[in-house]
Protein backbone atom coordinates (compact mmCIF):
# COMPACT_ATOMS: atom_id res chain seq x y z
CA MET A 1 -0.01 -0.01 0.01
CA ALA A 2 1.35 3.41 -0.90
CA ASN A 3 2.32 5.60 2.02
CA GLY A 4 -0.41 8.20 1.22
CA LYS A 5 -3.11 5.50 1.14
CA ARG A 6 -1.92 4.04 4.44
CA THR A 7 -2.16 7.51 6.09
CA GLU A 8 -5.66 7.97 4.65
CA ALA A 9 -6.84 4.56 5.94
CA THR A 10 -5.30 5.21 9.36
CA SER A 11 -7.02 8.56 9.56
CA ARG A 12 -10.43 7.01 8.76
CA LYS A 13 -9.93 4.33 11.41
CA THR A 14 -9.03 6.95 13.98
CA GLU A 15 -12.03 9.10 13.06
CA ALA A 16 -14.30 6.06 13.36
CA GLY A 17 -13.11 5.52 16.94
CA TYR A 18 -11.10 2.32 16.38
CA LYS A 19 -8.05 1.74 18.50
CA LEU A 20 -5.14 1.08 16.21
CA PRO A 21 -3.08 -1.90 17.23
CA LYS A 22 0.50 -1.49 18.27
CA PRO A 23 2.94 -2.67 15.61
CA GLY A 24 4.20 -6.17 16.05
CA PRO A 25 2.66 -9.51 16.97
CA VAL A 26 -0.97 -9.65 18.06
CA SER A 27 -2.24 -12.14 20.64
CA LEU A 28 -4.80 -14.66 19.55
CA GLU A 29 -7.29 -13.23 22.05
CA ALA A 30 -6.86 -9.71 20.65
CA PHE A 31 -7.25 -11.08 17.12
CA LEU A 32 -10.44 -12.92 18.08
CA GLU A 33 -11.91 -9.89 19.84
CA GLY A 34 -11.34 -7.82 16.69
CA GLN A 35 -13.00 -10.55 14.62
CA ARG A 36 -15.97 -10.67 17.03
CA GLN A 37 -16.46 -6.94 16.54
CA ILE A 38 -16.18 -7.20 12.76
CA ASN A 39 -18.73 -10.06 12.86
CA GLY A 40 -21.02 -7.96 15.04
CA SER A 41 -20.84 -5.05 12.62
CA PHE A 42 -21.52 -7.27 9.62
CA TYR A 43 -24.39 -8.95 11.43
CA GLU A 44 -26.07 -5.61 12.26
CA ILE A 45 -25.65 -4.41 8.67
CA LEU A 46 -26.94 -7.66 7.11
CA ASP A 47 -29.86 -7.87 9.51
CA LYS A 48 -30.99 -4.37 8.53
CA ILE A 49 -30.53 -5.14 4.81
CA MET A 50 -32.61 -8.32 5.13
CA ASP A 51 -35.41 -6.46 6.94
CA ALA A 52 -35.39 -3.78 4.24
CA LEU A 53 -35.45 -6.35 1.43
CA GLY A 54 -38.45 -8.09 3.01
CA THR A 55 -40.31 -4.77 3.26
CA ILE A 56 -39.39 -3.90 -0.36
CA SER A 57 -40.49 -7.35 -1.58
CA VAL A 58 -43.94 -6.96 0.06
CA ALA A 59 -44.34 -3.41 -1.23
CA LEU A 60 -43.35 -4.37 -4.79
CA SER A 61 -45.61 -7.40 -4.95
CA THR A 62 -48.52 -5.42 -3.52
CA ALA A 63 -47.96 -2.47 -5.89
CA SER A 64 -47.62 -4.69 -8.94
CA GLY A 65 -50.68 -6.74 -8.04
CA SER A 66 -48.63 -9.95 -7.96
CA ALA A 67 -49.27 -10.81 -4.33
CA ASP A 68 -50.40 -14.34 -5.16
CA GLU A 69 -48.62 -17.05 -3.26
CA GLY A 70 -46.71 -18.62 -6.19
CA LYS A 71 -45.09 -15.39 -7.31
CA ARG A 72 -44.29 -14.24 -3.75
CA ALA A 73 -42.66 -17.60 -2.98
CA ASN A 74 -40.07 -16.86 -5.70
CA ALA A 75 -38.79 -13.98 -3.55
CA ASP A 76 -39.79 -15.08 -0.08
CA GLY A 77 -37.99 -18.46 -0.17
CA PRO A 78 -34.53 -17.09 -0.91
CA LEU A 79 -35.07 -14.18 1.48
CA ALA A 80 -36.07 -16.53 4.27
CA ARG A 81 -33.08 -18.80 3.69
CA THR A 82 -30.72 -15.84 3.62
CA LYS A 83 -32.29 -14.34 6.77
CA LYS A 84 -31.73 -17.69 8.52
CA LEU A 85 -28.09 -17.68 7.52
CA VAL A 86 -27.68 -14.14 8.83
CA ASP A 87 -29.53 -14.98 12.10
CA ASP A 88 -27.15 -17.88 12.67
CA VAL A 89 -23.99 -15.71 12.54
CA PRO A 90 -23.95 -14.70 16.23
CA GLY A 91 -24.10 -18.33 17.31
CA ILE A 92 -20.85 -19.33 15.59
CA ASP A 93 -18.36 -19.49 18.44
CA PRO A 94 -15.41 -19.15 18.13
CA PRO A 95 -14.88 -16.47 17.07
CA GLY A 96 -18.28 -15.15 18.26
CA CYS A 97 -20.11 -11.96 17.54
CA VAL A 98 -20.30 -8.80 19.65
CA PRO A 99 -21.39 -5.27 18.80
CA PRO A 100 -18.44 -2.97 18.15
CA PRO A 101 -17.87 -0.16 20.64
CA PRO A 102 -19.81 3.01 19.97
CA PRO A 103 -17.97 5.74 18.05
CA PRO A 104 -16.62 8.69 19.97
CA GLY A 105 -19.30 11.24 20.72
CA GLY A 106 -21.88 8.58 21.63
CA SER A 107 -24.16 8.45 18.56
CA GLY A 108 -23.76 5.88 15.88
């Protein structure tokens, strides 16, 4: 990574409230804690996306008049399977899944 890009990435991490690791080896526990927080962030994002997709699917099928069961199943089946996969993420331990710390300033 070019030096300018590294500085830019470091700046974004600092602004987002992440503690930058000290250079050198990282303990397995520190690595897993970081992974738990990454998993927690991804879980929150995916959960919100799945909820939005479900709402959009219902709205589109209602608006287009195609709310019959056969046509809805084409969208609902894959959405339900994907939602189940997302809902199972927090139960995979190790590494686990925890919400990341809130950003500085309190609101996120």
